[in-house]
Amino acid sequence: MRLLPAAAGSGIVFRRTDLDNFEIPAIGRNVAKVSYATSLMRQGVLISTTEHLLSALIGMGVDNVIVELDNLELPILDGSALPYVEAFEQVGIRTQRRRRETIRVLRAVEVREGNKFIGVYPGSGYRISYAIDFPAPIGQQKTCVDLAAETYGTAIAPARTFGYKADEQKLRDMGLIRGASLENAIILGARGPMNGPLRFNDEFVRHKVLDLIGDLALAGRRIEGHVVAERAGHAMHTAFVARLLKDRSAWELAHVPVEEAAAAEEESRASGTGVPAFAGV
């Protein structure tokens, strides 16, 4: 897989180099199937397991990039978005001379399904609150993150995907988690993680935030508002994107001035991170 610079306004585009450079934009209408990962499809061409890379791109402020790959699945790496973030920081991110467009939420949009819920509400910045309730040994966890605080790389990106050892064979029989291992996922037994230690005490809910950021990237623009989710998952995340985009009266396109982007880049350099808050690759 290779990431290439893209012109301002291009968005995030996947390119299958093994299929004559066929391109699939990372937007809601190209969502194909959603179970334990998020897949995109256009004209029969599939890209699967997109959420971790999309999360890293949005979390680190990358709006425009071409993602080249020569097969249908993105690498799982260590099960988190941290390897992507480290790669971005190594090569750097460039601010483009065009105002960033965001989806500014004007009124509430909600999706409910039983005890599952996701909604977005007006607010400055991009804030996410998430609550989960899984069987033991996870139980209930909740967290809140503000992407405007530029903490994605340290607070969210390292959180790894997870699963229960008891579910492994059933999922493999369904053709899922074929590449899962102790090296790229937290495997949970009856007494806790079989391959600890955890990177955070609440690593499980942090990973759900990671997934949500990646799935919400399919709105095509960064969201300006407060997203609240409870017991949701990939299917509900992507259904919410469709609902949000359909309700055009609930949001407006807003713009971040170039001057603010340049100031954010200068502040980022001064802090030693080397990654501007408003950028496009």
Protein backbone atom coordinates (compact mmCIF):
# COMPACT_ATOMS: atom_id res chain seq x y z
CA MET A 1 0.00 0.00 0.00
CA ARG A 2 1.20 3.51 -0.83
CA LEU A 3 -0.21 6.95 -0.01
CA LEU A 4 0.24 9.76 -2.56
CA PRO A 5 -0.34 13.53 -2.36
CA ALA A 6 -3.63 14.70 -3.88
CA ALA A 7 -4.89 18.08 -5.06
CA ALA A 8 -6.99 20.20 -2.70
CA GLY A 9 -10.62 19.19 -2.88
CA SER A 10 -9.85 15.63 -4.01
CA GLY A 11 -10.87 13.98 -0.77
CA ILE A 12 -9.70 10.49 0.19
CA VAL A 13 -9.59 8.16 -2.81
CA PHE A 14 -8.62 4.48 -2.93
CA ARG A 15 -6.91 3.28 -6.12
CA ARG A 16 -6.65 -0.41 -7.04
CA THR A 17 -3.36 -0.63 -8.96
CA ASP A 18 -4.06 -4.29 -9.77
CA LEU A 19 -7.26 -3.26 -11.61
CA ASP A 20 -6.03 -0.58 -14.03
CA ASN A 21 -5.90 2.06 -11.28
CA PHE A 22 -9.64 1.86 -10.67
CA GLU A 23 -10.63 4.49 -8.09
CA ILE A 24 -13.14 4.31 -5.24
CA PRO A 25 -13.75 7.57 -3.34
CA ALA A 26 -14.20 7.15 0.42
CA ILE A 27 -17.76 8.44 0.56
CA GLY A 28 -21.01 7.11 1.98
CA ARG A 29 -22.64 6.02 -1.26
CA ASN A 30 -19.77 3.57 -1.85
CA VAL A 31 -20.31 1.65 1.41
CA ALA A 32 -20.69 -1.99 0.39
CA LYS A 33 -21.08 -4.28 3.36
CA VAL A 34 -20.50 -3.77 7.03
CA SER A 35 -20.02 -6.49 9.64
CA TYR A 36 -16.79 -6.66 11.61
CA ALA A 37 -15.16 -4.11 9.28
CA THR A 38 -16.20 -1.44 6.78
CA SER A 39 -15.93 -2.15 3.06
CA LEU A 40 -16.36 0.07 0.01
CA MET A 41 -17.47 -0.97 -3.47
CA ARG A 42 -17.89 0.77 -6.80
CA GLN A 43 -18.89 -0.99 -10.02
CA GLY A 44 -18.16 -4.35 -8.45
CA VAL A 45 -14.67 -3.44 -7.25
CA LEU A 46 -14.19 -3.95 -3.50
CA ILE A 47 -11.97 -2.37 -0.83
CA SER A 48 -12.27 -3.88 2.65
CA THR A 49 -11.17 -2.98 6.19
CA THR A 50 -10.91 0.75 5.51
CA GLU A 51 -11.76 2.15 8.94
CA HIS A 52 -8.33 2.23 10.62
CA LEU A 53 -6.61 4.14 7.82
CA LEU A 54 -9.57 6.50 7.40
CA SER A 55 -9.52 7.13 11.14
CA ALA A 56 -5.81 7.96 11.10
CA LEU A 57 -6.24 10.34 8.16
CA ILE A 58 -9.12 12.26 9.75
CA GLY A 59 -7.58 12.14 13.20
CA MET A 60 -4.34 13.66 11.93
CA GLY A 61 -6.05 16.28 9.75
CA VAL A 62 -5.47 14.82 6.28
CA ASP A 63 -8.25 15.77 3.86
CA ASN A 64 -6.80 14.87 0.46
CA VAL A 65 -4.85 11.71 -0.39
CA ILE A 66 -4.71 8.87 -2.90
CA VAL A 67 -4.38 5.43 -1.33
CA GLU A 68 -2.88 2.90 -3.73
CA LEU A 69 -3.17 -0.82 -3.03
CA ASP A 70 -2.86 -3.97 -5.13
CA ASN A 71 -5.50 -6.14 -3.47
CA LEU A 72 -8.93 -5.78 -1.91
CA GLU A 73 -7.93 -5.53 1.76
CA LEU A 74 -5.97 -2.93 3.69
CA PRO A 75 -3.29 -4.29 6.05
CA ILE A 76 -4.40 -4.79 9.65
CA LEU A 77 -0.88 -3.97 10.94
CA ASP A 78 -0.96 -4.18 14.76
CA GLY A 79 -4.74 -3.76 14.95
CA SER A 80 -4.55 -0.04 15.69
CA ALA A 81 -4.02 3.18 13.72
CA LEU A 82 -0.67 3.95 15.36
CA PRO A 83 1.55 2.64 12.52
CA TYR A 84 -0.24 4.97 10.11
CA VAL A 85 0.17 7.94 12.43
CA GLU A 86 3.88 7.22 12.87
CA ALA A 87 4.30 7.02 9.09
CA PHE A 88 2.52 10.37 8.61
CA GLU A 89 4.74 12.01 11.21
CA GLN A 90 7.86 10.62 9.56
CA VAL A 91 7.14 12.07 6.11
CA GLY A 92 5.22 15.17 7.20
CA ILE A 93 1.87 16.69 6.21
CA ARG A 94 1.57 19.76 4.02
CA THR A 95 -0.99 22.54 4.41
CA GLN A 96 -2.71 23.37 1.12
CA ARG A 97 -3.75 26.83 -0.03
CA ARG A 98 -7.45 26.15 0.00
CA ARG A 99 -9.94 26.45 2.81
CA ARG A 100 -11.00 23.19 4.40
CA GLU A 101 -14.71 22.38 4.12
CA THR A 102 -16.41 20.89 7.17
CA ILE A 103 -19.91 19.64 7.88
CA ARG A 104 -21.19 22.06 10.52
CA VAL A 105 -24.10 20.50 12.41
CA LEU A 106 -27.08 22.85 12.84
CA ARG A 107 -29.51 20.54 14.66
CA ALA A 108 -29.61 17.06 16.12
CA VAL A 109 -29.58 13.95 13.92
CA GLU A 110 -30.07 10.59 15.65
CA VAL A 111 -30.26 6.89 14.81
CA ARG A 112 -31.64 4.38 17.33
CA GLU A 113 -31.95 0.61 17.23
CA GLY A 114 -33.04 -1.01 20.47
CA ASN A 115 -30.45 -0.08 23.09
CA LYS A 116 -28.00 1.09 20.41
CA PHE A 117 -27.74 4.77 19.64
CA ILE A 118 -25.72 7.36 17.75
CA GLY A 119 -26.42 11.06 17.33
CA VAL A 120 -24.73 14.34 16.50
CA TYR A 121 -25.44 17.77 17.98
CA PRO A 122 -24.29 21.32 17.26
CA GLY A 123 -21.00 22.32 18.85
CA SER A 124 -17.61 23.78 18.05
CA GLY A 125 -14.75 21.49 17.08
CA TYR A 126 -15.12 17.73 16.60
CA ARG A 127 -16.00 15.98 19.85
CA ILE A 128 -16.90 12.31 20.32
CA SER A 129 -18.43 10.63 23.38
CA TYR A 130 -18.72 6.83 23.29
CA ALA A 131 -20.10 4.24 25.74
CA ILE A 132 -19.85 0.46 25.38
CA ASP A 133 -21.29 -2.50 27.28
CA PHE A 134 -19.70 -5.85 26.41
CA PRO A 135 -19.76 -9.22 28.18
CA ALA A 136 -17.07 -9.90 30.78
CA PRO A 137 -14.22 -9.26 31.05
CA ILE A 138 -14.81 -5.88 29.31
CA GLY A 139 -18.07 -4.68 30.84
CA GLN A 140 -19.01 -1.00 30.62
CA GLN A 141 -16.59 1.71 29.50
CA LYS A 142 -17.02 5.27 28.29
CA THR A 143 -14.75 8.04 27.06
CA CYS A 144 -14.83 11.45 25.41
CA VAL A 145 -12.28 12.90 23.01
CA ASP A 146 -11.94 16.29 21.32
CA LEU A 147 -10.08 16.00 18.02
CA ALA A 148 -9.45 19.74 18.06
CA ALA A 149 -7.12 19.13 21.01
CA GLU A 150 -4.75 17.23 18.68
CA THR A 151 -4.57 14.22 21.00
CA TYR A 152 -5.59 11.60 18.43
CA GLY A 153 -2.06 10.28 17.92
CA THR A 154 -1.51 9.56 21.61
CA ALA A 155 -5.00 8.98 23.02
CA ILE A 156 -6.87 7.10 20.26
CA ALA A 157 -4.54 5.80 17.53
CA PRO A 158 -2.74 3.20 19.72
CA ALA A 159 -5.97 1.45 20.78
CA ARG A 160 -6.18 -2.01 19.19
CA THR A 161 -9.08 -4.03 17.85
CA PHE A 162 -10.31 -6.84 20.07
CA GLY A 163 -12.33 -10.04 20.12
CA TYR A 164 -13.33 -12.98 22.27
CA LYS A 165 -11.47 -16.28 21.98
CA ALA A 166 -14.80 -18.10 22.41
CA ASP A 167 -16.11 -16.47 19.18
CA GLU A 168 -13.05 -17.23 17.06
CA GLN A 169 -14.11 -20.43 15.34
CA LYS A 170 -17.62 -19.18 14.59
CA LEU A 171 -16.23 -16.04 12.94
CA ARG A 172 -13.64 -17.99 10.94
CA ASP A 173 -16.39 -20.34 9.71
CA MET A 174 -18.18 -17.22 8.44
CA GLY A 175 -15.08 -16.21 6.50
CA LEU A 176 -14.25 -13.36 8.89
CA ILE A 177 -11.11 -12.45 10.90
CA ARG A 178 -8.97 -14.68 8.65
CA GLY A 179 -5.88 -12.63 9.45
CA ALA A 180 -6.51 -12.19 13.16
CA SER A 181 -3.71 -13.20 15.51
CA LEU A 182 -2.17 -12.35 18.86
CA GLU A 183 0.02 -9.82 17.00
CA ASN A 184 -2.81 -7.70 15.59
CA ALA A 185 -5.71 -7.93 18.05
CA ILE A 186 -6.45 -8.14 21.76
CA ILE A 187 -7.74 -11.67 22.32
CA LEU A 188 -10.00 -12.00 25.36
CA GLY A 189 -10.34 -15.16 27.40
CA ALA A 190 -12.55 -15.75 30.42
CA ARG A 191 -10.02 -14.12 32.74
CA GLY A 192 -9.01 -11.20 30.55
CA PRO A 193 -6.61 -10.42 27.68
CA MET A 194 -4.57 -13.43 26.58
CA ASN A 195 -1.90 -11.18 25.07
CA GLY A 196 -1.67 -8.24 27.49
CA PRO A 197 -0.79 -5.83 28.81
CA LEU A 198 -3.34 -3.32 27.59
CA ARG A 199 -2.09 0.01 26.26
CA PHE A 200 -4.88 1.81 28.18
CA ASN A 201 -7.17 0.67 30.97
CA ASP A 202 -10.09 1.62 28.70
CA GLU A 203 -8.48 0.52 25.42
CA PHE A 204 -11.68 -1.16 24.22
CA VAL A 205 -13.84 1.96 24.17
CA ARG A 206 -10.95 3.98 22.75
CA HIS A 207 -10.80 1.56 19.83
CA LYS A 208 -14.52 2.01 19.26
CA VAL A 209 -13.88 5.76 19.00
CA LEU A 210 -11.09 5.00 16.51
CA ASP A 211 -13.51 2.95 14.40
CA LEU A 212 -16.21 5.62 14.60
CA ILE A 213 -13.86 8.36 13.40
CA GLY A 214 -12.94 6.18 10.43
CA ASP A 215 -16.54 5.37 9.55
CA LEU A 216 -17.64 9.00 9.87
CA ALA A 217 -14.90 9.93 7.38
CA LEU A 218 -17.32 8.51 4.79
CA ALA A 219 -19.33 11.72 5.18
CA GLY A 220 -16.64 13.12 2.88
CA ARG A 221 -15.66 15.95 5.22
CA ARG A 222 -14.69 16.39 8.84
CA ILE A 223 -17.68 16.96 11.11
CA GLU A 224 -18.06 20.06 13.25
CA GLY A 225 -20.21 19.06 16.21
CA HIS A 226 -20.55 16.64 19.12
CA VAL A 227 -21.08 12.96 18.24
CA VAL A 228 -22.54 10.70 20.94
CA ALA A 229 -22.63 6.91 20.51
CA GLU A 230 -23.72 4.06 22.77
CA ARG A 231 -23.31 0.34 21.98
CA ALA A 232 -23.02 1.19 18.28
CA GLY A 233 -20.87 -0.57 15.66
CA HIS A 234 -19.80 -0.33 12.03
CA ALA A 235 -23.30 -0.96 10.64
CA MET A 236 -24.86 1.76 12.79
CA HIS A 237 -21.95 4.14 12.16
CA THR A 238 -22.39 3.92 8.38
CA ALA A 239 -26.20 4.04 8.61
CA PHE A 240 -25.79 7.24 10.59
CA VAL A 241 -23.58 8.74 7.86
CA ALA A 242 -26.33 8.03 5.32
CA ARG A 243 -28.97 9.59 7.58
CA LEU A 244 -26.86 12.69 8.21
CA LEU A 245 -26.07 13.30 4.54
CA LYS A 246 -29.72 12.78 3.57
CA ASP A 247 -30.99 15.37 6.05
CA ARG A 248 -29.52 18.40 4.30
CA SER A 249 -31.36 20.84 6.58
CA ALA A 250 -29.44 19.55 9.61
CA TRP A 251 -26.04 20.84 8.51
CA GLU A 252 -24.22 23.34 6.36
CA LEU A 253 -20.82 23.46 4.71
CA ALA A 254 -18.41 25.65 6.62
CA HIS A 255 -14.87 26.70 5.80
CA VAL A 256 -11.67 26.95 7.80
CA PRO A 257 -9.73 30.02 6.57
CA VAL A 258 -6.26 29.42 5.15
CA GLU A 259 -4.86 31.80 7.77
CA GLU A 260 -6.15 29.53 10.56
CA ALA A 261 -4.64 26.50 8.87
CA ALA A 262 -1.26 28.20 8.57
CA ALA A 263 -1.39 29.31 12.19
CA ALA A 264 -2.23 25.77 13.28
CA GLU A 265 0.71 24.42 11.28
CA GLU A 266 3.08 26.94 12.86
CA GLU A 267 1.78 26.07 16.35
CA SER A 268 2.21 22.37 15.63
CA ARG A 269 5.81 22.86 14.51
CA ALA A 270 6.56 24.94 17.58
CA SER A 271 5.23 22.16 19.82
CA GLY A 272 7.53 19.68 18.14
CA THR A 273 4.87 17.39 16.66
CA GLY A 274 5.67 18.24 13.06
CA VAL A 275 2.03 17.63 12.11
CA PRO A 276 -0.25 20.60 11.28
CA ALA A 277 -3.81 20.56 12.57
CA PHE A 278 -5.27 21.53 9.22
CA ALA A 279 -3.59 19.78 6.37
CA GLY A 280 -3.92 17.76 3.23
CA VAL A 281 -1.46 15.28 1.83
